[in-house]
Amino acid sequence: MVDTDRIVGGAKEALGKVQGTAGDFVGSNRDSVEGRVRDVQGQAQNAYGQVKDKARDIADKASDYAGDAYGRAGDVAGDAYERGGSYLREGRAAVGARVEENPLVALLIAGAVGYGIALLFHGRR
């Protein structure tokens, strides 16, 4: 999208050139100087509009890059979540199989873990 300063600046520049040339042609020093001034004002306004356009383009590109990065991060997080769920299911199945194979050992391990946790929370008295 072209900035309005570029359009207005281009129009001022063109009209300034016409007025300056007409002033030169008819010998009017005042019109010639005013035309040159308007030409320079138009060039400056056009340059300002170009800078605004470039800044807008850079901001748009930065926004696009940020959106892409956010999307990729979401994909990576989703994949990690799915892998974590898969590891949890596999671990649960492995522990369940070991408990079925050796229920007495599993009971002793659970008791020892419970006793250790109790010591951590209450300490030795």
PDB file of N, CA and C in Angstrom:
ATOM      1  N   MET A   1       0.840  -1.163   0.000  1.00  0.00           N
ATOM      2  CA  MET A   1       0.000   0.000   0.000  1.00  0.00           C
ATOM      3  C   MET A   1       0.889   1.231   0.000  1.00  0.00           C
ATOM      4  N   VAL A   2       0.625   2.136  -0.915  1.00  0.00           N
ATOM      5  CA  VAL A   2       1.411   3.352  -1.045  1.00  0.00           C
ATOM      6  C   VAL A   2       0.907   4.383  -0.047  1.00  0.00           C
ATOM      7  N   ASP A   3       1.840   5.010   0.642  1.00  0.00           N
ATOM      8  CA  ASP A   3       1.496   6.014   1.645  1.00  0.00           C
ATOM      9  C   ASP A   3       0.991   7.286   0.950  1.00  0.00           C
ATOM     10  N   THR A   4       0.039   7.969   1.580  1.00  0.00           N
ATOM     11  CA  THR A   4      -0.522   9.199   0.985  1.00  0.00           C
ATOM     12  C   THR A   4       0.526  10.290   0.877  1.00  0.00           C
ATOM     13  N   ASP A   5       1.525  10.291   1.764  1.00  0.00           N
ATOM     14  CA  ASP A   5       2.600  11.285   1.663  1.00  0.00           C
ATOM     15  C   ASP A   5       3.377  11.115   0.360  1.00  0.00           C
ATOM     16  N   ARG A   6       3.489   9.912  -0.110  1.00  0.00           N
ATOM     17  CA  ARG A   6       4.179   9.695  -1.391  1.00  0.00           C
ATOM     18  C   ARG A   6       3.362  10.277  -2.543  1.00  0.00           C
ATOM     19  N   ILE A   7       2.060  10.078  -2.487  1.00  0.00           N
ATOM     20  CA  ILE A   7       1.195  10.586  -3.562  1.00  0.00           C
ATOM     21  C   ILE A   7       1.181  12.108  -3.550  1.00  0.00           C
ATOM     22  N   VAL A   8       0.936  12.682  -2.370  1.00  0.00           N
ATOM     23  CA  VAL A   8       0.883  14.146  -2.250  1.00  0.00           C
ATOM     24  C   VAL A   8       2.241  14.744  -2.589  1.00  0.00           C
ATOM     25  N   GLY A   9       3.309  14.108  -2.101  1.00  0.00           N
ATOM     26  CA  GLY A   9       4.660  14.597  -2.393  1.00  0.00           C
ATOM     27  C   GLY A   9       4.964  14.563  -3.884  1.00  0.00           C
ATOM     28  N   GLY A  10       4.563  13.500  -4.540  1.00  0.00           N
ATOM     29  CA  GLY A  10       4.781  13.399  -5.990  1.00  0.00           C
ATOM     30  C   GLY A  10       4.006  14.464  -6.748  1.00  0.00           C
ATOM     31  N   ALA A  11       2.781  14.735  -6.294  1.00  0.00           N
ATOM     32  CA  ALA A  11       1.971  15.776  -6.948  1.00  0.00           C
ATOM     33  C   ALA A  11       2.601  17.149  -6.746  1.00  0.00           C
ATOM     34  N   LYS A  12       3.036  17.443  -5.512  1.00  0.00           N
ATOM     35  CA  LYS A  12       3.685  18.730  -5.240  1.00  0.00           C
ATOM     36  C   LYS A  12       4.957  18.884  -6.065  1.00  0.00           C
ATOM     37  N   GLU A  13       5.691  17.809  -6.149  1.00  0.00           N
ATOM     38  CA  GLU A  13       6.937  17.824  -6.917  1.00  0.00           C
ATOM     39  C   GLU A  13       6.656  18.142  -8.391  1.00  0.00           C
ATOM     40  N   ALA A  14       5.675  17.462  -8.955  1.00  0.00           N
ATOM     41  CA  ALA A  14       5.345  17.687 -10.374  1.00  0.00           C
ATOM     42  C   ALA A  14       4.828  19.105 -10.598  1.00  0.00           C
ATOM     43  N   LEU A  15       3.916  19.557  -9.711  1.00  0.00           N
ATOM     44  CA  LEU A  15       3.385  20.912  -9.862  1.00  0.00           C
ATOM     45  C   LEU A  15       4.464  21.958  -9.656  1.00  0.00           C
ATOM     46  N   GLY A  16       5.385  21.686  -8.736  1.00  0.00           N
ATOM     47  CA  GLY A  16       6.494  22.619  -8.510  1.00  0.00           C
ATOM     48  C   GLY A  16       7.382  22.728  -9.733  1.00  0.00           C
ATOM     49  N   LYS A  17       7.637  21.618 -10.398  1.00  0.00           N
ATOM     50  CA  LYS A  17       8.458  21.641 -11.615  1.00  0.00           C
ATOM     51  C   LYS A  17       7.757  22.433 -12.720  1.00  0.00           C
ATOM     52  N   VAL A  18       6.440  22.188 -12.831  1.00  0.00           N
ATOM     53  CA  VAL A  18       5.667  22.914 -13.850  1.00  0.00           C
ATOM     54  C   VAL A  18       5.679  24.407 -13.545  1.00  0.00           C
ATOM     55  N   GLN A  19       5.415  24.770 -12.278  1.00  0.00           N
ATOM     56  CA  GLN A  19       5.383  26.185 -11.909  1.00  0.00           C
ATOM     57  C   GLN A  19       6.753  26.829 -12.095  1.00  0.00           C
ATOM     58  N   GLY A  20       7.826  26.124 -11.712  1.00  0.00           N
ATOM     59  CA  GLY A  20       9.180  26.661 -11.893  1.00  0.00           C
ATOM     60  C   GLY A  20       9.519  26.860 -13.353  1.00  0.00           C
ATOM     61  N   THR A  21       9.156  25.883 -14.179  1.00  0.00           N
ATOM     62  CA  THR A  21       9.434  25.992 -15.618  1.00  0.00           C
ATOM     63  C   THR A  21       8.604  27.113 -16.236  1.00  0.00           C
ATOM     64  N   ALA A  22       7.340  27.215 -15.824  1.00  0.00           N
ATOM     65  CA  ALA A  22       6.484  28.287 -16.350  1.00  0.00           C
ATOM     66  C   ALA A  22       7.010  29.652 -15.921  1.00  0.00           C
ATOM     67  N   GLY A  23       7.453  29.748 -14.664  1.00  0.00           N
ATOM     68  CA  GLY A  23       8.024  31.007 -14.182  1.00  0.00           C
ATOM     69  C   GLY A  23       9.261  31.386 -14.973  1.00  0.00           C
ATOM     70  N   ASP A  24      10.095  30.389 -15.271  1.00  0.00           N
ATOM     71  CA  ASP A  24      11.286  30.656 -16.088  1.00  0.00           C
ATOM     72  C   ASP A  24      10.892  31.105 -17.487  1.00  0.00           C
ATOM     73  N   PHE A  25       9.845  30.466 -18.022  1.00  0.00           N
ATOM     74  CA  PHE A  25       9.426  30.746 -19.400  1.00  0.00           C
ATOM     75  C   PHE A  25       8.863  32.168 -19.542  1.00  0.00           C
ATOM     76  N   VAL A  26       8.040  32.563 -18.582  1.00  0.00           N
ATOM     77  CA  VAL A  26       7.434  33.895 -18.688  1.00  0.00           C
ATOM     78  C   VAL A  26       8.298  34.976 -18.042  1.00  0.00           C
ATOM     79  N   GLY A  27       9.371  34.559 -17.381  1.00  0.00           N
ATOM     80  CA  GLY A  27      10.272  35.540 -16.781  1.00  0.00           C
ATOM     81  C   GLY A  27       9.846  35.991 -15.394  1.00  0.00           C
ATOM     82  N   SER A  28       8.989  35.232 -14.735  1.00  0.00           N
ATOM     83  CA  SER A  28       8.529  35.596 -13.395  1.00  0.00           C
ATOM     84  C   SER A  28       9.444  34.928 -12.372  1.00  0.00           C
ATOM     85  N   ASN A  29      10.247  35.777 -11.735  1.00  0.00           N
ATOM     86  CA  ASN A  29      11.180  35.276 -10.736  1.00  0.00           C
ATOM     87  C   ASN A  29      10.426  34.661  -9.549  1.00  0.00           C
ATOM     88  N   ARG A  30       9.337  35.277  -9.154  1.00  0.00           N
ATOM     89  CA  ARG A  30       8.547  34.815  -8.013  1.00  0.00           C
ATOM     90  C   ARG A  30       7.976  33.416  -8.279  1.00  0.00           C
ATOM     91  N   ASP A  31       7.364  33.201  -9.433  1.00  0.00           N
ATOM     92  CA  ASP A  31       6.810  31.890  -9.772  1.00  0.00           C
ATOM     93  C   ASP A  31       7.911  30.834  -9.895  1.00  0.00           C
ATOM     94  N   SER A  32       9.046  31.235 -10.432  1.00  0.00           N
ATOM     95  CA  SER A  32      10.156  30.308 -10.591  1.00  0.00           C
ATOM     96  C   SER A  32      10.650  29.826  -9.228  1.00  0.00           C
ATOM     97  N   VAL A  33      10.826  30.754  -8.268  1.00  0.00           N
ATOM     98  CA  VAL A  33      11.309  30.389  -6.933  1.00  0.00           C
ATOM     99  C   VAL A  33      10.257  29.576  -6.182  1.00  0.00           C
ATOM    100  N   GLU A  34       8.984  30.008  -6.255  1.00  0.00           N
ATOM    101  CA  GLU A  34       7.922  29.256  -5.583  1.00  0.00           C
ATOM    102  C   GLU A  34       7.818  27.834  -6.141  1.00  0.00           C
ATOM    103  N   GLY A  35       7.988  27.700  -7.433  1.00  0.00           N
ATOM    104  CA  GLY A  35       7.949  26.374  -8.055  1.00  0.00           C
ATOM    105  C   GLY A  35       9.077  25.487  -7.573  1.00  0.00           C
ATOM    106  N   ARG A  36      10.260  26.067  -7.470  1.00  0.00           N
ATOM    107  CA  ARG A  36      11.409  25.281  -6.984  1.00  0.00           C
ATOM    108  C   ARG A  36      11.201  24.866  -5.522  1.00  0.00           C
ATOM    109  N   VAL A  37      10.655  25.807  -4.712  1.00  0.00           N
ATOM    110  CA  VAL A  37      10.388  25.494  -3.309  1.00  0.00           C
ATOM    111  C   VAL A  37       9.353  24.379  -3.217  1.00  0.00           C
ATOM    112  N   ARG A  38       8.271  24.483  -3.985  1.00  0.00           N
ATOM    113  CA  ARG A  38       7.229  23.452  -3.970  1.00  0.00           C
ATOM    114  C   ARG A  38       7.807  22.107  -4.446  1.00  0.00           C
ATOM    115  N   ASP A  39       8.687  22.129  -5.423  1.00  0.00           N
ATOM    116  CA  ASP A  39       9.340  20.922  -5.929  1.00  0.00           C
ATOM    117  C   ASP A  39      10.136  20.245  -4.805  1.00  0.00           C
ATOM    118  N   VAL A  40      10.919  21.029  -4.076  1.00  0.00           N
ATOM    119  CA  VAL A  40      11.735  20.481  -2.988  1.00  0.00           C
ATOM    120  C   VAL A  40      10.834  19.968  -1.854  1.00  0.00           C
ATOM    121  N   GLN A  41       9.762  20.697  -1.538  1.00  0.00           N
ATOM    122  CA  GLN A  41       8.826  20.224  -0.522  1.00  0.00           C
ATOM    123  C   GLN A  41       8.207  18.896  -0.935  1.00  0.00           C
ATOM    124  N   GLY A  42       7.859  18.790  -2.186  1.00  0.00           N
ATOM    125  CA  GLY A  42       7.284  17.540  -2.699  1.00  0.00           C
ATOM    126  C   GLY A  42       8.269  16.390  -2.624  1.00  0.00           C
ATOM    127  N   GLN A  43       9.527  16.667  -2.969  1.00  0.00           N
ATOM    128  CA  GLN A  43      10.549  15.615  -2.883  1.00  0.00           C
ATOM    129  C   GLN A  43      10.720  15.139  -1.436  1.00  0.00           C
ATOM    130  N   ALA A  44      10.717  16.123  -0.501  1.00  0.00           N
ATOM    131  CA  ALA A  44      10.871  15.762   0.909  1.00  0.00           C
ATOM    132  C   ALA A  44       9.672  14.942   1.399  1.00  0.00           C
ATOM    133  N   GLN A  45       8.478  15.364   1.030  1.00  0.00           N
ATOM    134  CA  GLN A  45       7.283  14.635   1.467  1.00  0.00           C
ATOM    135  C   GLN A  45       7.236  13.246   0.843  1.00  0.00           C
ATOM    136  N   ASN A  46       7.646  13.135  -0.393  1.00  0.00           N
ATOM    137  CA  ASN A  46       7.705  11.842  -1.068  1.00  0.00           C
ATOM    138  C   ASN A  46       8.704  10.925  -0.360  1.00  0.00           C
ATOM    139  N   ALA A  47       9.881  11.464  -0.008  1.00  0.00           N
ATOM    140  CA  ALA A  47      10.895  10.668   0.693  1.00  0.00           C
ATOM    141  C   ALA A  47      10.366  10.213   2.060  1.00  0.00           C
ATOM    142  N   TYR A  48       9.651  11.107   2.749  1.00  0.00           N
ATOM    143  CA  TYR A  48       9.057  10.763   4.043  1.00  0.00           C
ATOM    144  C   TYR A  48       8.053   9.618   3.875  1.00  0.00           C
ATOM    145  N   GLY A  49       7.246   9.683   2.839  1.00  0.00           N
ATOM    146  CA  GLY A  49       6.285   8.612   2.573  1.00  0.00           C
ATOM    147  C   GLY A  49       6.968   7.293   2.258  1.00  0.00           C
ATOM    148  N   GLN A  50       8.088   7.362   1.544  1.00  0.00           N
ATOM    149  CA  GLN A  50       8.830   6.141   1.233  1.00  0.00           C
ATOM    150  C   GLN A  50       9.390   5.504   2.498  1.00  0.00           C
ATOM    151  N   VAL A  51       9.881   6.365   3.409  1.00  0.00           N
ATOM    152  CA  VAL A  51      10.412   5.843   4.669  1.00  0.00           C
ATOM    153  C   VAL A  51       9.289   5.182   5.475  1.00  0.00           C
ATOM    154  N   LYS A  52       8.120   5.824   5.513  1.00  0.00           N
ATOM    155  CA  LYS A  52       6.980   5.234   6.231  1.00  0.00           C
ATOM    156  C   LYS A  52       6.580   3.901   5.610  1.00  0.00           C
ATOM    157  N   ASP A  53       6.570   3.825   4.283  1.00  0.00           N
ATOM    158  CA  ASP A  53       6.250   2.560   3.613  1.00  0.00           C
ATOM    159  C   ASP A  53       7.247   1.473   3.989  1.00  0.00           C
ATOM    160  N   LYS A  54       8.519   1.820   3.981  1.00  0.00           N
ATOM    161  CA  LYS A  54       9.558   0.843   4.302  1.00  0.00           C
ATOM    162  C   LYS A  54       9.421   0.384   5.753  1.00  0.00           C
ATOM    163  N   ALA A  55       9.152   1.317   6.671  1.00  0.00           N
ATOM    164  CA  ALA A  55       8.973   0.951   8.076  1.00  0.00           C
ATOM    165  C   ALA A  55       7.760   0.024   8.235  1.00  0.00           C
ATOM    166  N   ARG A  56       6.698   0.311   7.510  1.00  0.00           N
ATOM    167  CA  ARG A  56       5.500  -0.529   7.573  1.00  0.00           C
ATOM    168  C   ARG A  56       5.812  -1.936   7.042  1.00  0.00           C
ATOM    169  N   ASP A  57       6.578  -2.003   5.953  1.00  0.00           N
ATOM    170  CA  ASP A  57       6.950  -3.311   5.401  1.00  0.00           C
ATOM    171  C   ASP A  57       7.792  -4.111   6.393  1.00  0.00           C
ATOM    172  N   ILE A  58       8.746  -3.431   7.035  1.00  0.00           N
ATOM    173  CA  ILE A  58       9.599  -4.112   8.013  1.00  0.00           C
ATOM    174  C   ILE A  58       8.764  -4.611   9.186  1.00  0.00           C
ATOM    175  N   ALA A  59       7.840  -3.787   9.665  1.00  0.00           N
ATOM    176  CA  ALA A  59       6.980  -4.196  10.775  1.00  0.00           C
ATOM    177  C   ALA A  59       6.109  -5.387  10.376  1.00  0.00           C
ATOM    178  N   ASP A  60       5.599  -5.388   9.154  1.00  0.00           N
ATOM    179  CA  ASP A  60       4.793  -6.515   8.681  1.00  0.00           C
ATOM    180  C   ASP A  60       5.616  -7.802   8.624  1.00  0.00           C
ATOM    181  N   LYS A  61       6.848  -7.680   8.118  1.00  0.00           N
ATOM    182  CA  LYS A  61       7.705  -8.869   8.038  1.00  0.00           C
ATOM    183  C   LYS A  61       8.047  -9.385   9.428  1.00  0.00           C
ATOM    184  N   ALA A  62       8.339  -8.463  10.362  1.00  0.00           N
ATOM    185  CA  ALA A  62       8.650  -8.883  11.728  1.00  0.00           C
ATOM    186  C   ALA A  62       7.452  -9.581  12.356  1.00  0.00           C
ATOM    187  N   SER A  63       6.274  -9.067  12.095  1.00  0.00           N
ATOM    188  CA  SER A  63       5.060  -9.691  12.621  1.00  0.00           C
ATOM    189  C   SER A  63       4.871 -11.086  12.031  1.00  0.00           C
ATOM    190  N   ASP A  64       5.124 -11.217  10.735  1.00  0.00           N
ATOM    191  CA  ASP A  64       5.022 -12.533  10.097  1.00  0.00           C
ATOM    192  C   ASP A  64       6.020 -13.520  10.691  1.00  0.00           C
ATOM    193  N   TYR A  65       7.274 -13.061  10.887  1.00  0.00           N
ATOM    194  CA  TYR A  65       8.295 -13.943  11.470  1.00  0.00           C
ATOM    195  C   TYR A  65       7.904 -14.361  12.873  1.00  0.00           C
ATOM    196  N   ALA A  66       7.379 -13.424  13.657  1.00  0.00           N
ATOM    197  CA  ALA A  66       6.967 -13.738  15.030  1.00  0.00           C
ATOM    198  C   ALA A  66       5.816 -14.744  15.017  1.00  0.00           C
ATOM    199  N   GLY A  67       4.869 -14.558  14.119  1.00  0.00           N
ATOM    200  CA  GLY A  67       3.757 -15.496  14.013  1.00  0.00           C
ATOM    201  C   GLY A  67       4.218 -16.885  13.618  1.00  0.00           C
ATOM    202  N   ASP A  68       5.162 -16.944  12.683  1.00  0.00           N
ATOM    203  CA  ASP A  68       5.704 -18.244  12.278  1.00  0.00           C
ATOM    204  C   ASP A  68       6.426 -18.923  13.435  1.00  0.00           C
ATOM    205  N   ALA A  69       7.239 -18.140  14.167  1.00  0.00           N
ATOM    206  CA  ALA A  69       7.972 -18.700  15.303  1.00  0.00           C
ATOM    207  C   ALA A  69       7.001 -19.198  16.372  1.00  0.00           C
ATOM    208  N   TYR A  70       5.944 -18.442  16.611  1.00  0.00           N
ATOM    209  CA  TYR A  70       4.939 -18.847  17.594  1.00  0.00           C
ATOM    210  C   TYR A  70       4.267 -20.154  17.160  1.00  0.00           C
ATOM    211  N   GLY A  71       3.958 -20.260  15.884  1.00  0.00           N
ATOM    212  CA  GLY A  71       3.334 -21.473  15.363  1.00  0.00           C
ATOM    213  C   GLY A  71       4.251 -22.676  15.486  1.00  0.00           C
ATOM    214  N   ARG A  72       5.537 -22.464  15.169  1.00  0.00           N
ATOM    215  CA  ARG A  72       6.487 -23.582  15.291  1.00  0.00           C
ATOM    216  C   ARG A  72       6.669 -23.980  16.741  1.00  0.00           C
ATOM    217  N   ALA A  73       6.705 -22.995  17.647  1.00  0.00           N
ATOM    218  CA  ALA A  73       6.854 -23.316  19.069  1.00  0.00           C
ATOM    219  C   ALA A  73       5.643 -24.117  19.555  1.00  0.00           C
ATOM    220  N   GLY A  74       4.466 -23.744  19.087  1.00  0.00           N
ATOM    221  CA  GLY A  74       3.268 -24.493  19.468  1.00  0.00           C
ATOM    222  C   GLY A  74       3.314 -25.918  18.953  1.00  0.00           C
ATOM    223  N   ASP A  75       3.829 -26.089  17.736  1.00  0.00           N
ATOM    224  CA  ASP A  75       3.961 -27.441  17.185  1.00  0.00           C
ATOM    225  C   ASP A  75       4.935 -28.278  18.004  1.00  0.00           C
ATOM    226  N   VAL A  76       6.067 -27.676  18.375  1.00  0.00           N
ATOM    227  CA  VAL A  76       7.073 -28.397  19.160  1.00  0.00           C
ATOM    228  C   VAL A  76       6.504 -28.756  20.527  1.00  0.00           C
ATOM    229  N   ALA A  77       5.796 -27.811  21.147  1.00  0.00           N
ATOM    230  CA  ALA A  77       5.203 -28.080  22.463  1.00  0.00           C
ATOM    231  C   ALA A  77       4.152 -29.186  22.361  1.00  0.00           C
ATOM    232  N   GLY A  78       3.359 -29.144  21.311  1.00  0.00           N
ATOM    233  CA  GLY A  78       2.358 -30.200  21.119  1.00  0.00           C
ATOM    234  C   GLY A  78       2.994 -31.563  20.941  1.00  0.00           C
ATOM    235  N   ASP A  79       4.074 -31.610  20.163  1.00  0.00           N
ATOM    236  CA  ASP A  79       4.782 -32.879  19.970  1.00  0.00           C
ATOM    237  C   ASP A  79       5.370 -33.380  21.289  1.00  0.00           C
ATOM    238  N   ALA A  80       5.941 -32.464  22.071  1.00  0.00           N
ATOM    239  CA  ALA A  80       6.524 -32.853  23.355  1.00  0.00           C
ATOM    240  C   ALA A  80       5.435 -33.376  24.295  1.00  0.00           C
ATOM    241  N   TYR A  81       4.290 -32.729  24.280  1.00  0.00           N
ATOM    242  CA  TYR A  81       3.173 -33.175  25.124  1.00  0.00           C
ATOM    243  C   TYR A  81       2.729 -34.586  24.731  1.00  0.00           C
ATOM    244  N   GLU A  82       2.625 -34.813  23.428  1.00  0.00           N
ATOM    245  CA  GLU A  82       2.225 -36.142  22.957  1.00  0.00           C
ATOM    246  C   GLU A  82       3.264 -37.202  23.329  1.00  0.00           C
ATOM    247  N   ARG A  83       4.557 -36.864  23.165  1.00  0.00           N
ATOM    248  CA  ARG A  83       5.611 -37.817  23.535  1.00  0.00           C
ATOM    249  C   ARG A  83       5.591 -38.090  25.034  1.00  0.00           C
ATOM    250  N   GLY A  84       5.355 -37.047  25.846  1.00  0.00           N
ATOM    251  CA  GLY A  84       5.283 -37.217  27.293  1.00  0.00           C
ATOM    252  C   GLY A  84       4.149 -38.147  27.675  1.00  0.00           C
ATOM    253  N   GLY A  85       2.999 -37.972  27.040  1.00  0.00           N
ATOM    254  CA  GLY A  85       1.870 -38.872  27.303  1.00  0.00           C
ATOM    255  C   GLY A  85       2.187 -40.298  26.919  1.00  0.00           C
ATOM    256  N   SER A  86       2.894 -40.447  25.808  1.00  0.00           N
ATOM    257  CA  SER A  86       3.276 -41.787  25.353  1.00  0.00           C
ATOM    258  C   SER A  86       4.232 -42.436  26.349  1.00  0.00           C
ATOM    259  N   TYR A  87       5.232 -41.664  26.835  1.00  0.00           N
ATOM    260  CA  TYR A  87       6.173 -42.199  27.823  1.00  0.00           C
ATOM    261  C   TYR A  87       5.449 -42.583  29.108  1.00  0.00           C
ATOM    262  N   LEU A  88       4.490 -41.770  29.514  1.00  0.00           N
ATOM    263  CA  LEU A  88       3.726 -42.070  30.722  1.00  0.00           C
ATOM    264  C   LEU A  88       2.950 -43.383  30.568  1.00  0.00           C
ATOM    265  N   ARG A  89       2.290 -43.560  29.436  1.00  0.00           N
ATOM    266  CA  ARG A  89       1.538 -44.796  29.213  1.00  0.00           C
ATOM    267  C   ARG A  89       2.470 -46.012  29.190  1.00  0.00           C
ATOM    268  N   GLU A  90       3.623 -45.872  28.530  1.00  0.00           N
ATOM    269  CA  GLU A  90       4.574 -46.987  28.475  1.00  0.00           C
ATOM    270  C   GLU A  90       5.115 -47.319  29.864  1.00  0.00           C
ATOM    271  N   GLY A  91       5.414 -46.267  30.649  1.00  0.00           N
ATOM    272  CA  GLY A  91       5.927 -46.493  32.006  1.00  0.00           C
ATOM    273  C   GLY A  91       4.888 -47.139  32.895  1.00  0.00           C
ATOM    274  N   ARG A  92       3.645 -46.673  32.781  1.00  0.00           N
ATOM    275  CA  ARG A  92       2.562 -47.257  33.571  1.00  0.00           C
ATOM    276  C   ARG A  92       2.396 -48.744  33.227  1.00  0.00           C
ATOM    277  N   ALA A  93       2.470 -49.069  31.952  1.00  0.00           N
ATOM    278  CA  ALA A  93       2.329 -50.468  31.533  1.00  0.00           C
ATOM    279  C   ALA A  93       3.494 -51.302  32.050  1.00  0.00           C
ATOM    280  N   ALA A  94       4.716 -50.759  32.016  1.00  0.00           N
ATOM    281  CA  ALA A  94       5.892 -51.500  32.478  1.00  0.00           C
ATOM    282  C   ALA A  94       5.812 -51.751  33.980  1.00  0.00           C
ATOM    283  N   VAL A  95       5.421 -50.719  34.748  1.00  0.00           N
ATOM    284  CA  VAL A  95       5.304 -50.891  36.202  1.00  0.00           C
ATOM    285  C   VAL A  95       4.191 -51.890  36.519  1.00  0.00           C
ATOM    286  N   GLY A  96       3.079 -51.748  35.822  1.00  0.00           N
ATOM    287  CA  GLY A  96       1.971 -52.686  36.045  1.00  0.00           C
ATOM    288  C   GLY A  96       2.381 -54.124  35.783  1.00  0.00           C
ATOM    289  N   ALA A  97       3.171 -54.353  34.752  1.00  0.00           N
ATOM    290  CA  ALA A  97       3.632 -55.708  34.427  1.00  0.00           C
ATOM    291  C   ALA A  97       4.550 -56.232  35.521  1.00  0.00           C
ATOM    292  N   ARG A  98       5.444 -55.383  36.048  1.00  0.00           N
ATOM    293  CA  ARG A  98       6.372 -55.821  37.103  1.00  0.00           C
ATOM    294  C   ARG A  98       5.623 -56.128  38.398  1.00  0.00           C
ATOM    295  N   VAL A  99       4.601 -55.312  38.700  1.00  0.00           N
ATOM    296  CA  VAL A  99       3.814 -55.551  39.914  1.00  0.00           C
ATOM    297  C   VAL A  99       3.062 -56.870  39.800  1.00  0.00           C
ATOM    298  N   GLU A 100       2.543 -57.174  38.635  1.00  0.00           N
ATOM    299  CA  GLU A 100       1.838 -58.447  38.442  1.00  0.00           C
ATOM    300  C   GLU A 100       2.787 -59.630  38.568  1.00  0.00           C
ATOM    301  N   GLU A 101       4.038 -59.453  38.086  1.00  0.00           N
ATOM    302  CA  GLU A 101       5.015 -60.538  38.153  1.00  0.00           C
ATOM    303  C   GLU A 101       5.476 -60.789  39.586  1.00  0.00           C
ATOM    304  N   ASN A 102       5.718 -59.724  40.359  1.00  0.00           N
ATOM    305  CA  ASN A 102       6.258 -59.839  41.723  1.00  0.00           C
ATOM    306  C   ASN A 102       5.481 -58.944  42.673  1.00  0.00           C
ATOM    307  N   PRO A 103       4.292 -59.340  43.090  1.00  0.00           N
ATOM    308  CA  PRO A 103       3.485 -58.468  43.943  1.00  0.00           C
ATOM    309  C   PRO A 103       4.099 -58.215  45.319  1.00  0.00           C
ATOM    310  N   LEU A 104       4.797 -59.195  45.892  1.00  0.00           N
ATOM    311  CA  LEU A 104       5.392 -59.022  47.210  1.00  0.00           C
ATOM    312  C   LEU A 104       6.528 -58.008  47.180  1.00  0.00           C
ATOM    313  N   VAL A 105       7.381 -58.082  46.166  1.00  0.00           N
ATOM    314  CA  VAL A 105       8.483 -57.122  46.022  1.00  0.00           C
ATOM    315  C   VAL A 105       7.912 -55.717  45.800  1.00  0.00           C
ATOM    316  N   ALA A 106       6.867 -55.605  45.015  1.00  0.00           N
ATOM    317  CA  ALA A 106       6.251 -54.304  44.763  1.00  0.00           C
ATOM    318  C   ALA A 106       5.687 -53.727  46.050  1.00  0.00           C
ATOM    319  N   LEU A 107       5.105 -54.566  46.903  1.00  0.00           N
ATOM    320  CA  LEU A 107       4.556 -54.110  48.178  1.00  0.00           C
ATOM    321  C   LEU A 107       5.671 -53.628  49.105  1.00  0.00           C
ATOM    322  N   LEU A 108       6.770 -54.349  49.144  1.00  0.00           N
ATOM    323  CA  LEU A 108       7.909 -53.937  49.977  1.00  0.00           C
ATOM    324  C   LEU A 108       8.503 -52.613  49.481  1.00  0.00           C
ATOM    325  N   ILE A 109       8.616 -52.462  48.191  1.00  0.00           N
ATOM    326  CA  ILE A 109       9.147 -51.211  47.627  1.00  0.00           C
ATOM    327  C   ILE A 109       8.212 -50.049  47.941  1.00  0.00           C
ATOM    328  N   ALA A 110       6.917 -50.246  47.788  1.00  0.00           N
ATOM    329  CA  ALA A 110       5.947 -49.194  48.079  1.00  0.00           C
ATOM    330  C   ALA A 110       6.006 -48.803  49.547  1.00  0.00           C
ATOM    331  N   GLY A 111       6.145 -49.803  50.446  1.00  0.00           N
ATOM    332  CA  GLY A 111       6.260 -49.515  51.873  1.00  0.00           C
ATOM    333  C   GLY A 111       7.513 -48.723  52.188  1.00  0.00           C
ATOM    334  N   ALA A 112       8.634 -49.090  51.568  1.00  0.00           N
ATOM    335  CA  ALA A 112       9.893 -48.381  51.810  1.00  0.00           C
ATOM    336  C   ALA A 112       9.808 -46.935  51.306  1.00  0.00           C
ATOM    337  N   VAL A 113       9.198 -46.756  50.175  1.00  0.00           N
ATOM    338  CA  VAL A 113       9.038 -45.399  49.633  1.00  0.00           C
ATOM    339  C   VAL A 113       8.135 -44.580  50.552  1.00  0.00           C
ATOM    340  N   GLY A 114       7.052 -45.154  51.028  1.00  0.00           N
ATOM    341  CA  GLY A 114       6.151 -44.461  51.946  1.00  0.00           C
ATOM    342  C   GLY A 114       6.852 -44.080  53.232  1.00  0.00           C
ATOM    343  N   TYR A 115       7.655 -44.994  53.782  1.00  0.00           N
ATOM    344  CA  TYR A 115       8.399 -44.720  55.006  1.00  0.00           C
ATOM    345  C   TYR A 115       9.399 -43.580  54.775  1.00  0.00           C
ATOM    346  N   GLY A 116      10.084 -43.591  53.632  1.00  0.00           N
ATOM    347  CA  GLY A 116      11.040 -42.516  53.306  1.00  0.00           C
ATOM    348  C   GLY A 116      10.351 -41.161  53.186  1.00  0.00           C
ATOM    349  N   ILE A 117       9.197 -41.144  52.581  1.00  0.00           N
ATOM    350  CA  ILE A 117       8.454 -39.881  52.448  1.00  0.00           C
ATOM    351  C   ILE A 117       8.008 -39.384  53.821  1.00  0.00           C
ATOM    352  N   ALA A 118       7.563 -40.312  54.662  1.00  0.00           N
ATOM    353  CA  ALA A 118       7.158 -39.928  56.017  1.00  0.00           C
ATOM    354  C   ALA A 118       8.335 -39.333  56.779  1.00  0.00           C
ATOM    355  N   LEU A 119       9.517 -39.901  56.637  1.00  0.00           N
ATOM    356  CA  LEU A 119      10.703 -39.354  57.298  1.00  0.00           C
ATOM    357  C   LEU A 119      11.037 -37.954  56.779  1.00  0.00           C
ATOM    358  N   LEU A 120      10.873 -37.749  55.503  1.00  0.00           N
ATOM    359  CA  LEU A 120      11.148 -36.427  54.937  1.00  0.00           C
ATOM    360  C   LEU A 120      10.212 -35.363  55.499  1.00  0.00           C
ATOM    361  N   PHE A 121       8.938 -35.708  55.633  1.00  0.00           N
ATOM    362  CA  PHE A 121       7.952 -34.718  56.093  1.00  0.00           C
ATOM    363  C   PHE A 121       8.014 -34.511  57.607  1.00  0.00           C
ATOM    364  N   HIS A 122       8.201 -35.570  58.354  1.00  0.00           N
ATOM    365  CA  HIS A 122       8.135 -35.459  59.818  1.00  0.00           C
ATOM    366  C   HIS A 122       9.502 -35.468  60.470  1.00  0.00           C
ATOM    367  N   GLY A 123      10.486 -35.958  59.792  1.00  0.00           N
ATOM    368  CA  GLY A 123      11.843 -36.022  60.352  1.00  0.00           C
ATOM    369  C   GLY A 123      11.934 -37.038  61.473  1.00  0.00           C
ATOM    370  N   ARG A 124      13.152 -37.228  61.953  1.00  0.00           N
ATOM    371  CA  ARG A 124      13.352 -38.173  63.069  1.00  0.00           C
ATOM    372  C   ARG A 124      13.150 -37.418  64.375  1.00  0.00           C
ATOM    373  N   ARG A 125      12.464 -38.043  65.282  1.00  0.00           N
ATOM    374  CA  ARG A 125      12.207 -37.390  66.585  1.00  0.00           C
ATOM    375  C   ARG A 125      12.927 -38.092  67.670  1.00  0.00           C
TER     376      ARG A 125
END
